[in-house]
Full PDB file with SEQRES, HELIX, SHEET, SSBOND, CRYST1, ORIGX, SCALE, CONECT and MASTER records, all heavy atoms in Angstrom:
SEQRES   1 A   42  ARG SER GLY ILE SER THR ASP TYR LYS ASP SER VAL LYS          
SEQRES   2 A   42  GLY ARG PHE THR ILE SER ARG ASP ASN ALA LYS ASN THR          
SEQRES   3 A   42  VAL THR LEU GLN MET ASN SER LEU LYS PRO GLU ASP THR          
SEQRES   4 A   42  GLY VAL TYR                                                  
HELIX    1 AA1 ASP A   10  VAL A   12  5                                   3    
HELIX    2 AA2 PRO A   36  ASP A   38  5                                   3    
SHEET    1 AA1 2 PHE A  16  ASP A  21  0                                        
SHEET    2 AA1 2 THR A  26  MET A  31 -1                                        
CRYST1    1.000    1.000    1.000  90.00  90.00  90.00 P 1           1          
ORIGX1      1.000000  0.000000  0.000000        0.00000                         
ORIGX2      0.000000  1.000000  0.000000        0.00000                         
ORIGX3      0.000000  0.000000  1.000000        0.00000                         
SCALE1      1.000000  0.000000  0.000000        0.00000                         
SCALE2      0.000000  1.000000  0.000000        0.00000                         
SCALE3      0.000000  0.000000  1.000000        0.00000                         
ATOM      1  N   ARG A   1      11.415  -1.370  -8.008  1.00  0.00           N  
ATOM      2  CA  ARG A   1      12.338  -0.297  -8.078  1.00  0.00           C  
ATOM      3  C   ARG A   1      11.900   0.773  -9.096  1.00  0.00           C  
ATOM      4  O   ARG A   1      11.994   1.992  -8.798  1.00  0.00           O  
ATOM      5  CB  ARG A   1      13.750  -0.725  -8.334  1.00  0.00           C  
ATOM      6  CG  ARG A   1      14.792   0.311  -8.559  1.00  0.00           C  
ATOM      7  CD  ARG A   1      16.156  -0.237  -8.900  1.00  0.00           C  
ATOM      8  NE  ARG A   1      16.922   0.955  -9.415  1.00  0.00           N  
ATOM      9  CZ  ARG A   1      18.204   0.811  -9.758  1.00  0.00           C  
ATOM     10  NH1 ARG A   1      18.848  -0.337  -9.564  1.00  0.00           N  
ATOM     11  NH2 ARG A   1      18.865   1.865 -10.223  1.00  0.00           N  
ATOM     12  N   SER A   2      11.408   0.355 -10.155  1.00  0.00           N  
ATOM     13  CA  SER A   2      10.946   1.294 -11.282  1.00  0.00           C  
ATOM     14  C   SER A   2       9.700   2.011 -10.799  1.00  0.00           C  
ATOM     15  O   SER A   2       9.418   3.033 -11.448  1.00  0.00           O  
ATOM     16  CB  SER A   2      10.665   0.481 -12.518  1.00  0.00           C  
ATOM     17  OG  SER A   2       9.463  -0.346 -12.375  1.00  0.00           O  
ATOM     18  N   GLY A   3       8.912   1.490  -9.887  1.00  0.00           N  
ATOM     19  CA  GLY A   3       7.701   2.030  -9.525  1.00  0.00           C  
ATOM     20  C   GLY A   3       6.513   1.622 -10.484  1.00  0.00           C  
ATOM     21  O   GLY A   3       5.449   2.025 -10.267  1.00  0.00           O  
ATOM     22  N   ILE A   4       6.817   0.878 -11.480  1.00  0.00           N  
ATOM     23  CA  ILE A   4       5.904   0.439 -12.458  1.00  0.00           C  
ATOM     24  C   ILE A   4       4.917  -0.686 -11.988  1.00  0.00           C  
ATOM     25  O   ILE A   4       3.705  -0.661 -12.225  1.00  0.00           O  
ATOM     26  CB  ILE A   4       6.504   0.110 -13.811  1.00  0.00           C  
ATOM     27  CG1 ILE A   4       7.192   1.348 -14.441  1.00  0.00           C  
ATOM     28  CG2 ILE A   4       5.580  -0.505 -14.815  1.00  0.00           C  
ATOM     29  CD1 ILE A   4       7.963   1.035 -15.715  1.00  0.00           C  
ATOM     30  N   SER A   5       5.622  -1.569 -11.345  1.00  0.00           N  
ATOM     31  CA  SER A   5       4.849  -2.752 -10.859  1.00  0.00           C  
ATOM     32  C   SER A   5       4.494  -2.619  -9.412  1.00  0.00           C  
ATOM     33  O   SER A   5       5.314  -2.292  -8.597  1.00  0.00           O  
ATOM     34  CB  SER A   5       5.748  -3.977 -11.158  1.00  0.00           C  
ATOM     35  OG  SER A   5       5.958  -4.124 -12.455  1.00  0.00           O  
ATOM     36  N   THR A   6       3.327  -3.090  -9.040  1.00  0.00           N  
ATOM     37  CA  THR A   6       2.860  -3.172  -7.724  1.00  0.00           C  
ATOM     38  C   THR A   6       2.052  -4.485  -7.483  1.00  0.00           C  
ATOM     39  O   THR A   6       1.607  -5.011  -8.563  1.00  0.00           O  
ATOM     40  CB  THR A   6       1.948  -2.049  -7.259  1.00  0.00           C  
ATOM     41  OG1 THR A   6       0.765  -2.053  -8.155  1.00  0.00           O  
ATOM     42  CG2 THR A   6       2.623  -0.699  -7.391  1.00  0.00           C  
ATOM     43  N   ASP A   7       2.040  -4.923  -6.244  1.00  0.00           N  
ATOM     44  CA  ASP A   7       1.284  -6.163  -6.117  1.00  0.00           C  
ATOM     45  C   ASP A   7       0.787  -6.094  -4.489  1.00  0.00           C  
ATOM     46  O   ASP A   7       1.451  -5.423  -3.795  1.00  0.00           O  
ATOM     47  CB  ASP A   7       1.920  -7.438  -6.260  1.00  0.00           C  
ATOM     48  CG  ASP A   7       1.070  -8.546  -6.636  1.00  0.00           C  
ATOM     49  OD1 ASP A   7      -0.252  -8.423  -6.571  1.00  0.00           O  
ATOM     50  OD2 ASP A   7       1.571  -9.697  -6.900  1.00  0.00           O  
ATOM     51  N   TYR A   8      -0.243  -6.891  -4.281  1.00  0.00           N  
ATOM     52  CA  TYR A   8      -0.887  -6.773  -2.976  1.00  0.00           C  
ATOM     53  C   TYR A   8      -1.312  -8.110  -2.429  1.00  0.00           C  
ATOM     54  O   TYR A   8      -1.585  -9.141  -3.141  1.00  0.00           O  
ATOM     55  CB  TYR A   8      -2.188  -5.938  -3.082  1.00  0.00           C  
ATOM     56  CG  TYR A   8      -1.896  -4.548  -3.563  1.00  0.00           C  
ATOM     57  CD1 TYR A   8      -1.902  -4.208  -4.992  1.00  0.00           C  
ATOM     58  CD2 TYR A   8      -1.567  -3.475  -2.671  1.00  0.00           C  
ATOM     59  CE1 TYR A   8      -1.682  -2.954  -5.404  1.00  0.00           C  
ATOM     60  CE2 TYR A   8      -1.425  -2.131  -3.124  1.00  0.00           C  
ATOM     61  CZ  TYR A   8      -1.365  -2.026  -4.476  1.00  0.00           C  
ATOM     62  OH  TYR A   8      -1.033  -0.605  -4.964  1.00  0.00           O  
ATOM     63  N   LYS A   9      -1.313  -8.233  -1.135  1.00  0.00           N  
ATOM     64  CA  LYS A   9      -1.894  -9.431  -0.428  1.00  0.00           C  
ATOM     65  C   LYS A   9      -3.460  -9.469  -0.974  1.00  0.00           C  
ATOM     66  O   LYS A   9      -4.064  -8.367  -1.025  1.00  0.00           O  
ATOM     67  CB  LYS A   9      -1.806  -9.190   1.002  1.00  0.00           C  
ATOM     68  CG  LYS A   9      -2.369 -10.316   1.891  1.00  0.00           C  
ATOM     69  CD  LYS A   9      -2.171  -9.929   3.426  1.00  0.00           C  
ATOM     70  CE  LYS A   9      -2.713 -10.986   4.289  1.00  0.00           C  
ATOM     71  NZ  LYS A   9      -1.892 -12.237   4.298  1.00  0.00           N  
ATOM     72  N   ASP A  10      -3.887 -10.717  -1.161  1.00  0.00           N  
ATOM     73  CA  ASP A  10      -5.222 -10.770  -1.710  1.00  0.00           C  
ATOM     74  C   ASP A  10      -6.259 -10.048  -0.852  1.00  0.00           C  
ATOM     75  O   ASP A  10      -7.186  -9.405  -1.317  1.00  0.00           O  
ATOM     76  CB  ASP A  10      -5.634 -12.293  -1.847  1.00  0.00           C  
ATOM     77  CG  ASP A  10      -4.951 -12.969  -3.029  1.00  0.00           C  
ATOM     78  OD1 ASP A  10      -4.471 -12.179  -3.829  1.00  0.00           O  
ATOM     79  OD2 ASP A  10      -4.977 -14.184  -3.012  1.00  0.00           O  
ATOM     80  N   SER A  11      -6.155 -10.117   0.468  1.00  0.00           N  
ATOM     81  CA  SER A  11      -7.164  -9.583   1.295  1.00  0.00           C  
ATOM     82  C   SER A  11      -7.155  -8.092   1.333  1.00  0.00           C  
ATOM     83  O   SER A  11      -8.162  -7.488   1.793  1.00  0.00           O  
ATOM     84  CB  SER A  11      -7.017 -10.048   2.760  1.00  0.00           C  
ATOM     85  OG  SER A  11      -5.631  -9.594   3.203  1.00  0.00           O  
ATOM     86  N   VAL A  12      -6.246  -7.405   0.738  1.00  0.00           N  
ATOM     87  CA  VAL A  12      -6.242  -5.843   0.690  1.00  0.00           C  
ATOM     88  C   VAL A  12      -6.384  -5.360  -0.689  1.00  0.00           C  
ATOM     89  O   VAL A  12      -6.520  -4.161  -0.831  1.00  0.00           O  
ATOM     90  CB  VAL A  12      -5.010  -5.317   1.360  1.00  0.00           C  
ATOM     91  CG1 VAL A  12      -4.743  -5.877   2.731  1.00  0.00           C  
ATOM     92  CG2 VAL A  12      -3.659  -5.474   0.499  1.00  0.00           C  
ATOM     93  N   LYS A  13      -6.445  -6.280  -1.706  1.00  0.00           N  
ATOM     94  CA  LYS A  13      -6.531  -5.756  -3.064  1.00  0.00           C  
ATOM     95  C   LYS A  13      -7.863  -4.976  -3.245  1.00  0.00           C  
ATOM     96  O   LYS A  13      -8.954  -5.404  -2.762  1.00  0.00           O  
ATOM     97  CB  LYS A  13      -6.583  -6.976  -4.002  1.00  0.00           C  
ATOM     98  CG  LYS A  13      -5.193  -7.542  -4.329  1.00  0.00           C  
ATOM     99  CD  LYS A  13      -5.200  -8.743  -5.235  1.00  0.00           C  
ATOM    100  CE  LYS A  13      -3.775  -9.212  -5.503  1.00  0.00           C  
ATOM    101  NZ  LYS A  13      -3.707 -10.373  -6.401  1.00  0.00           N  
ATOM    102  N   GLY A  14      -7.730  -3.839  -3.891  1.00  0.00           N  
ATOM    103  CA  GLY A  14      -8.921  -3.076  -4.083  1.00  0.00           C  
ATOM    104  C   GLY A  14      -9.132  -2.013  -2.995  1.00  0.00           C  
ATOM    105  O   GLY A  14      -9.925  -1.117  -3.072  1.00  0.00           O  
ATOM    106  N   ARG A  15      -8.537  -2.246  -1.876  1.00  0.00           N  
ATOM    107  CA  ARG A  15      -8.567  -1.423  -0.641  1.00  0.00           C  
ATOM    108  C   ARG A  15      -7.302  -0.478  -0.513  1.00  0.00           C  
ATOM    109  O   ARG A  15      -7.371   0.590  -0.026  1.00  0.00           O  
ATOM    110  CB  ARG A  15      -9.002  -2.085   0.582  1.00  0.00           C  
ATOM    111  CG  ARG A  15     -10.285  -2.885   0.387  1.00  0.00           C  
ATOM    112  CD  ARG A  15     -10.790  -3.427   1.673  1.00  0.00           C  
ATOM    113  NE  ARG A  15      -9.884  -4.464   2.221  1.00  0.00           N  
ATOM    114  CZ  ARG A  15      -9.243  -4.311   3.412  1.00  0.00           C  
ATOM    115  NH1 ARG A  15      -9.314  -3.307   4.158  1.00  0.00           N  
ATOM    116  NH2 ARG A  15      -8.379  -5.370   3.810  1.00  0.00           N  
ATOM    117  N   PHE A  16      -6.201  -1.164  -0.662  1.00  0.00           N  
ATOM    118  CA  PHE A  16      -4.934  -0.538  -0.320  1.00  0.00           C  
ATOM    119  C   PHE A  16      -4.230  -0.127  -1.663  1.00  0.00           C  
ATOM    120  O   PHE A  16      -4.267  -0.882  -2.624  1.00  0.00           O  
ATOM    121  CB  PHE A  16      -3.941  -1.421   0.478  1.00  0.00           C  
ATOM    122  CG  PHE A  16      -4.323  -1.720   1.852  1.00  0.00           C  
ATOM    123  CD1 PHE A  16      -5.600  -1.433   2.373  1.00  0.00           C  
ATOM    124  CD2 PHE A  16      -3.547  -2.328   2.709  1.00  0.00           C  
ATOM    125  CE1 PHE A  16      -5.984  -1.641   3.744  1.00  0.00           C  
ATOM    126  CE2 PHE A  16      -3.838  -2.689   4.018  1.00  0.00           C  
ATOM    127  CZ  PHE A  16      -5.093  -2.195   4.517  1.00  0.00           C  
ATOM    128  N   THR A  17      -3.391   0.927  -1.578  1.00  0.00           N  
ATOM    129  CA  THR A  17      -2.551   1.326  -2.763  1.00  0.00           C  
ATOM    130  C   THR A  17      -1.241   1.816  -2.262  1.00  0.00           C  
ATOM    131  O   THR A  17      -0.985   2.642  -1.477  1.00  0.00           O  
ATOM    132  CB  THR A  17      -3.242   2.497  -3.465  1.00  0.00           C  
ATOM    133  OG1 THR A  17      -4.563   2.151  -3.835  1.00  0.00           O  
ATOM    134  CG2 THR A  17      -2.459   2.910  -4.698  1.00  0.00           C  
ATOM    135  N   ILE A  18      -0.159   1.211  -2.897  1.00  0.00           N  
ATOM    136  CA  ILE A  18       1.242   1.542  -2.608  1.00  0.00           C  
ATOM    137  C   ILE A  18       1.629   2.413  -3.647  1.00  0.00           C  
ATOM    138  O   ILE A  18       1.406   2.187  -4.833  1.00  0.00           O  
ATOM    139  CB  ILE A  18       2.103   0.272  -2.364  1.00  0.00           C  
ATOM    140  CG1 ILE A  18       3.434   0.644  -1.935  1.00  0.00           C  
ATOM    141  CG2 ILE A  18       2.140  -0.518  -3.640  1.00  0.00           C  
ATOM    142  CD1 ILE A  18       4.286  -0.690  -1.560  1.00  0.00           C  
ATOM    143  N   SER A  19       2.490   3.405  -3.327  1.00  0.00           N  
ATOM    144  CA  SER A  19       3.118   4.264  -4.327  1.00  0.00           C  
ATOM    145  C   SER A  19       4.415   4.835  -3.749  1.00  0.00           C  
ATOM    146  O   SER A  19       4.700   4.693  -2.503  1.00  0.00           O  
ATOM    147  CB  SER A  19       2.149   5.449  -4.657  1.00  0.00           C  
ATOM    148  OG  SER A  19       1.902   6.215  -3.459  1.00  0.00           O  
ATOM    149  N   ARG A  20       5.170   5.367  -4.691  1.00  0.00           N  
ATOM    150  CA  ARG A  20       6.523   5.857  -4.288  1.00  0.00           C  
ATOM    151  C   ARG A  20       6.716   7.189  -4.881  1.00  0.00           C  
ATOM    152  O   ARG A  20       6.374   7.492  -6.083  1.00  0.00           O  
ATOM    153  CB  ARG A  20       7.642   4.874  -4.574  1.00  0.00           C  
ATOM    154  CG  ARG A  20       7.882   4.572  -5.956  1.00  0.00           C  
ATOM    155  CD  ARG A  20       8.916   3.514  -6.137  1.00  0.00           C  
ATOM    156  NE  ARG A  20      10.237   3.741  -5.643  1.00  0.00           N  
ATOM    157  CZ  ARG A  20      11.123   2.866  -5.315  1.00  0.00           C  
ATOM    158  NH1 ARG A  20      10.909   1.595  -5.534  1.00  0.00           N  
ATOM    159  NH2 ARG A  20      12.322   3.306  -4.764  1.00  0.00           N  
ATOM    160  N   ASP A  21       7.518   8.076  -4.300  1.00  0.00           N  
ATOM    161  CA  ASP A  21       7.923   9.233  -4.855  1.00  0.00           C  
ATOM    162  C   ASP A  21       9.378   9.384  -4.655  1.00  0.00           C  
ATOM    163  O   ASP A  21       9.925   9.724  -3.576  1.00  0.00           O  
ATOM    164  CB  ASP A  21       7.206  10.447  -4.066  1.00  0.00           C  
ATOM    165  CG  ASP A  21       7.513  11.797  -4.764  1.00  0.00           C  
ATOM    166  OD1 ASP A  21       8.521  11.974  -5.276  1.00  0.00           O  
ATOM    167  OD2 ASP A  21       6.726  12.694  -4.531  1.00  0.00           O  
ATOM    168  N   ASN A  22      10.077   9.170  -5.702  1.00  0.00           N  
ATOM    169  CA  ASN A  22      11.619   9.079  -5.634  1.00  0.00           C  
ATOM    170  C   ASN A  22      12.198  10.432  -5.332  1.00  0.00           C  
ATOM    171  O   ASN A  22      13.322  10.642  -4.790  1.00  0.00           O  
ATOM    172  CB  ASN A  22      12.261   8.477  -6.880  1.00  0.00           C  
ATOM    173  CG  ASN A  22      12.005   6.939  -6.905  1.00  0.00           C  
ATOM    174  OD1 ASN A  22      11.659   6.280  -5.999  1.00  0.00           O  
ATOM    175  ND2 ASN A  22      12.228   6.346  -8.143  1.00  0.00           N  
ATOM    176  N   ALA A  23      11.552  11.470  -5.794  1.00  0.00           N  
ATOM    177  CA  ALA A  23      12.020  12.838  -5.490  1.00  0.00           C  
ATOM    178  C   ALA A  23      11.962  13.143  -3.973  1.00  0.00           C  
ATOM    179  O   ALA A  23      12.764  13.993  -3.558  1.00  0.00           O  
ATOM    180  CB  ALA A  23      11.269  13.811  -6.257  1.00  0.00           C  
ATOM    181  N   LYS A  24      10.972  12.572  -3.328  1.00  0.00           N  
ATOM    182  CA  LYS A  24      10.805  12.900  -1.981  1.00  0.00           C  
ATOM    183  C   LYS A  24      11.356  11.763  -1.009  1.00  0.00           C  
ATOM    184  O   LYS A  24      11.182  11.815   0.193  1.00  0.00           O  
ATOM    185  CB  LYS A  24       9.286  13.110  -1.567  1.00  0.00           C  
ATOM    186  CG  LYS A  24       8.715  14.410  -2.309  1.00  0.00           C  
ATOM    187  CD  LYS A  24       7.286  14.638  -1.834  1.00  0.00           C  
ATOM    188  CE  LYS A  24       6.800  15.846  -2.561  1.00  0.00           C  
ATOM    189  NZ  LYS A  24       5.362  16.127  -2.271  1.00  0.00           N  
ATOM    190  N   ASN A  25      11.752  10.712  -1.630  1.00  0.00           N  
ATOM    191  CA  ASN A  25      12.400   9.586  -0.895  1.00  0.00           C  
ATOM    192  C   ASN A  25      11.292   8.896  -0.035  1.00  0.00           C  
ATOM    193  O   ASN A  25      11.570   8.616   1.171  1.00  0.00           O  
ATOM    194  CB  ASN A  25      13.644   9.847  -0.083  1.00  0.00           C  
ATOM    195  CG  ASN A  25      14.817  10.167  -0.986  1.00  0.00           C  
ATOM    196  OD1 ASN A  25      14.704  10.012  -2.177  1.00  0.00           O  
ATOM    197  ND2 ASN A  25      15.842  10.625  -0.314  1.00  0.00           N  
ATOM    198  N   THR A  26      10.058   8.768  -0.525  1.00  0.00           N  
ATOM    199  CA  THR A  26       9.034   8.191   0.316  1.00  0.00           C  
ATOM    200  C   THR A  26       8.267   7.115  -0.343  1.00  0.00           C  
ATOM    201  O   THR A  26       8.097   7.161  -1.644  1.00  0.00           O  
ATOM    202  CB  THR A  26       8.081   9.318   0.702  1.00  0.00           C  
ATOM    203  OG1 THR A  26       7.487   9.990  -0.434  1.00  0.00           O  
ATOM    204  CG2 THR A  26       8.656  10.435   1.581  1.00  0.00           C  
ATOM    205  N   VAL A  27       7.746   6.225   0.399  1.00  0.00           N  
ATOM    206  CA  VAL A  27       6.792   5.307  -0.121  1.00  0.00           C  
ATOM    207  C   VAL A  27       5.507   5.346   0.820  1.00  0.00           C  
ATOM    208  O   VAL A  27       5.635   5.510   1.949  1.00  0.00           O  
ATOM    209  CB  VAL A  27       7.341   3.857  -0.185  1.00  0.00           C  
ATOM    210  CG1 VAL A  27       7.816   3.411   1.226  1.00  0.00           C  
ATOM    211  CG2 VAL A  27       6.422   2.944  -0.754  1.00  0.00           C  
ATOM    212  N   THR A  28       4.347   5.262   0.154  1.00  0.00           N  
ATOM    213  CA  THR A  28       3.088   5.535   0.869  1.00  0.00           C  
ATOM    214  C   THR A  28       2.315   4.294   0.713  1.00  0.00           C  
ATOM    215  O   THR A  28       2.235   3.601  -0.256  1.00  0.00           O  
ATOM    216  CB  THR A  28       2.490   6.714   0.308  1.00  0.00           C  
ATOM    217  OG1 THR A  28       3.276   7.809   0.509  1.00  0.00           O  
ATOM    218  CG2 THR A  28       1.183   7.009   1.036  1.00  0.00           C  
ATOM    219  N   LEU A  29       1.524   3.988   1.774  1.00  0.00           N  
ATOM    220  CA  LEU A  29       0.450   3.057   1.657  1.00  0.00           C  
ATOM    221  C   LEU A  29      -0.905   3.624   2.039  1.00  0.00           C  
ATOM    222  O   LEU A  29      -1.136   3.985   3.237  1.00  0.00           O  
ATOM    223  CB  LEU A  29       0.645   1.921   2.626  1.00  0.00           C  
ATOM    224  CG  LEU A  29      -0.235   0.686   2.566  1.00  0.00           C  
ATOM    225  CD1 LEU A  29      -0.128  -0.059   1.142  1.00  0.00           C  
ATOM    226  CD2 LEU A  29      -0.095  -0.342   3.641  1.00  0.00           C  
ATOM    227  N   GLN A  30      -1.737   3.776   1.039  1.00  0.00           N  
ATOM    228  CA  GLN A  30      -3.026   4.363   1.333  1.00  0.00           C  
ATOM    229  C   GLN A  30      -3.980   3.272   1.619  1.00  0.00           C  
ATOM    230  O   GLN A  30      -4.080   2.300   0.788  1.00  0.00           O  
ATOM    231  CB  GLN A  30      -3.562   5.129   0.101  1.00  0.00           C  
ATOM    232  CG  GLN A  30      -5.047   5.694   0.233  1.00  0.00           C  
ATOM    233  CD  GLN A  30      -5.058   6.781   1.197  1.00  0.00           C  
ATOM    234  OE1 GLN A  30      -4.256   7.592   1.343  1.00  0.00           O  
ATOM    235  NE2 GLN A  30      -6.101   6.610   2.090  1.00  0.00           N  
ATOM    236  N   MET A  31      -4.676   3.262   2.755  1.00  0.00           N  
ATOM    237  CA  MET A  31      -5.544   2.210   3.172  1.00  0.00           C  
ATOM    238  C   MET A  31      -6.859   2.709   3.331  1.00  0.00           C  
ATOM    239  O   MET A  31      -7.250   3.579   4.227  1.00  0.00           O  
ATOM    240  CB  MET A  31      -4.925   1.569   4.493  1.00  0.00           C  
ATOM    241  CG  MET A  31      -3.476   1.215   4.532  1.00  0.00           C  
ATOM    242  SD  MET A  31      -2.922   0.377   5.947  1.00  0.00           S  
ATOM    243  CE  MET A  31      -3.188   1.622   7.143  1.00  0.00           C  
ATOM    244  N   ASN A  32      -7.858   2.127   2.552  1.00  0.00           N  
ATOM    245  CA  ASN A  32      -9.204   2.515   2.567  1.00  0.00           C  
ATOM    246  C   ASN A  32     -10.060   1.342   2.967  1.00  0.00           C  
ATOM    247  O   ASN A  32      -9.603   0.222   2.993  1.00  0.00           O  
ATOM    248  CB  ASN A  32      -9.606   2.990   1.221  1.00  0.00           C  
ATOM    249  CG  ASN A  32      -8.901   4.234   0.783  1.00  0.00           C  
ATOM    250  OD1 ASN A  32      -8.451   5.070   1.631  1.00  0.00           O  
ATOM    251  ND2 ASN A  32      -8.761   4.394  -0.513  1.00  0.00           N  
ATOM    252  N   SER A  33     -11.265   1.627   3.491  1.00  0.00           N  
ATOM    253  CA  SER A  33     -12.237   0.601   3.861  1.00  0.00           C  
ATOM    254  C   SER A  33     -11.611  -0.416   4.836  1.00  0.00           C  
ATOM    255  O   SER A  33     -11.716  -1.657   4.667  1.00  0.00           O  
ATOM    256  CB  SER A  33     -12.709  -0.163   2.633  1.00  0.00           C  
ATOM    257  OG  SER A  33     -13.331   0.696   1.612  1.00  0.00           O  
ATOM    258  N   LEU A  34     -10.985   0.214   5.832  1.00  0.00           N  
ATOM    259  CA  LEU A  34     -10.321  -0.714   6.767  1.00  0.00           C  
ATOM    260  C   LEU A  34     -11.220  -1.645   7.635  1.00  0.00           C  
ATOM    261  O   LEU A  34     -12.342  -1.274   7.806  1.00  0.00           O  
ATOM    262  CB  LEU A  34      -9.473   0.158   7.616  1.00  0.00           C  
ATOM    263  CG  LEU A  34      -8.199   0.765   7.126  1.00  0.00           C  
ATOM    264  CD1 LEU A  34      -7.744   2.011   7.846  1.00  0.00           C  
ATOM    265  CD2 LEU A  34      -7.061  -0.229   6.975  1.00  0.00           C  
ATOM    266  N   LYS A  35     -10.649  -2.714   7.908  1.00  0.00           N  
ATOM    267  CA  LYS A  35     -11.366  -3.814   8.579  1.00  0.00           C  
ATOM    268  C   LYS A  35     -10.589  -4.096   9.954  1.00  0.00           C  
ATOM    269  O   LYS A  35      -9.407  -3.916   9.908  1.00  0.00           O  
ATOM    270  CB  LYS A  35     -11.481  -5.062   7.709  1.00  0.00           C  
ATOM    271  CG  LYS A  35     -12.197  -4.770   6.410  1.00  0.00           C  
ATOM    272  CD  LYS A  35     -12.123  -6.115   5.622  1.00  0.00           C  
ATOM    273  CE  LYS A  35     -12.705  -5.959   4.194  1.00  0.00           C  
ATOM    274  NZ  LYS A  35     -12.784  -7.157   3.435  1.00  0.00           N  
ATOM    275  N   PRO A  36     -11.278  -4.663  10.971  1.00  0.00           N  
ATOM    276  CA  PRO A  36     -10.645  -5.026  12.140  1.00  0.00           C  
ATOM    277  C   PRO A  36      -9.427  -5.953  11.936  1.00  0.00           C  
ATOM    278  O   PRO A  36      -8.339  -5.835  12.527  1.00  0.00           O  
ATOM    279  CB  PRO A  36     -11.679  -5.625  12.938  1.00  0.00           C  
ATOM    280  CG  PRO A  36     -12.930  -4.983  12.548  1.00  0.00           C  
ATOM    281  CD  PRO A  36     -12.737  -4.750  11.118  1.00  0.00           C  
ATOM    282  N   GLU A  37      -9.492  -6.799  10.846  1.00  0.00           N  
ATOM    283  CA  GLU A  37      -8.404  -7.743  10.624  1.00  0.00           C  
ATOM    284  C   GLU A  37      -7.234  -7.158   9.958  1.00  0.00           C  
ATOM    285  O   GLU A  37      -6.202  -7.748   9.758  1.00  0.00           O  
ATOM    286  CB  GLU A  37      -8.932  -8.936   9.765  1.00  0.00           C  
ATOM    287  CG  GLU A  37      -9.630  -8.427   8.520  1.00  0.00           C  
ATOM    288  CD  GLU A  37     -11.119  -8.476   8.626  1.00  0.00           C  
ATOM    289  OE1 GLU A  37     -11.590  -8.026   9.735  1.00  0.00           O  
ATOM    290  OE2 GLU A  37     -11.859  -8.910   7.720  1.00  0.00           O  
ATOM    291  N   ASP A  38      -7.215  -5.746   9.693  1.00  0.00           N  
ATOM    292  CA  ASP A  38      -6.117  -5.022   9.180  1.00  0.00           C  
ATOM    293  C   ASP A  38      -5.206  -4.426  10.392  1.00  0.00           C  
ATOM    294  O   ASP A  38      -4.244  -3.956  10.153  1.00  0.00           O  
ATOM    295  CB  ASP A  38      -6.566  -3.846   8.342  1.00  0.00           C  
ATOM    296  CG  ASP A  38      -7.263  -4.268   6.957  1.00  0.00           C  
ATOM    297  OD1 ASP A  38      -6.821  -5.189   6.399  1.00  0.00           O  
ATOM    298  OD2 ASP A  38      -8.260  -3.603   6.674  1.00  0.00           O  
ATOM    299  N   THR A  39      -5.719  -4.739  11.532  1.00  0.00           N  
ATOM    300  CA  THR A  39      -5.001  -4.281  12.816  1.00  0.00           C  
ATOM    301  C   THR A  39      -3.681  -5.079  12.817  1.00  0.00           C  
ATOM    302  O   THR A  39      -3.467  -6.231  12.529  1.00  0.00           O  
ATOM    303  CB  THR A  39      -5.790  -4.678  14.059  1.00  0.00           C  
ATOM    304  OG1 THR A  39      -6.973  -3.825  14.004  1.00  0.00           O  
ATOM    305  CG2 THR A  39      -5.007  -4.335  15.263  1.00  0.00           C  
ATOM    306  N   GLY A  40      -2.667  -4.168  13.164  1.00  0.00           N  
ATOM    307  CA  GLY A  40      -1.275  -4.756  13.333  1.00  0.00           C  
ATOM    308  C   GLY A  40      -0.266  -3.748  13.284  1.00  0.00           C  
ATOM    309  O   GLY A  40      -0.545  -2.525  13.157  1.00  0.00           O  
ATOM    310  N   VAL A  41       0.951  -4.159  13.403  1.00  0.00           N  
ATOM    311  CA  VAL A  41       2.169  -3.145  13.270  1.00  0.00           C  
ATOM    312  C   VAL A  41       2.497  -3.331  11.774  1.00  0.00           C  
ATOM    313  O   VAL A  41       2.811  -4.293  11.224  1.00  0.00           O  
ATOM    314  CB  VAL A  41       3.323  -3.562  14.119  1.00  0.00           C  
ATOM    315  CG1 VAL A  41       4.472  -2.544  13.945  1.00  0.00           C  
ATOM    316  CG2 VAL A  41       2.816  -3.557  15.671  1.00  0.00           C  
ATOM    317  N   TYR A  42       2.661  -2.066  11.138  1.00  0.00           N  
ATOM    318  CA  TYR A  42       2.990  -2.088   9.758  1.00  0.00           C  
ATOM    319  C   TYR A  42       4.474  -1.600   9.614  1.00  0.00           C  
ATOM    320  O   TYR A  42       4.844  -0.587  10.227  1.00  0.00           O  
ATOM    321  CB  TYR A  42       2.135  -1.038   9.052  1.00  0.00           C  
ATOM    322  CG  TYR A  42       0.674  -1.706   8.715  1.00  0.00           C  
ATOM    323  CD1 TYR A  42      -0.204  -1.831   9.728  1.00  0.00           C  
ATOM    324  CD2 TYR A  42       0.360  -1.962   7.510  1.00  0.00           C  
ATOM    325  CE1 TYR A  42      -1.391  -2.460   9.509  1.00  0.00           C  
ATOM    326  CE2 TYR A  42      -0.913  -2.544   7.209  1.00  0.00           C  
ATOM    327  CZ  TYR A  42      -1.750  -2.753   8.249  1.00  0.00           C  
ATOM    328  OH  TYR A  42      -3.086  -3.346   7.950  1.00  0.00           O  
TER     329      TYR A  42                                                      
MASTER        0    0    0    2    2    0    0    6  328    1    0    4          
END                                                                             
């Protein structure tokens, strides 16, 4: 809730970044170095 703490599934650590902007009421997931095993409904 504070935005201070984040954590990730081991397989995406170092590739994905979660962030939030409370002023814009949005949460974002930046996904880099995507792999076929990242396929799915998010």
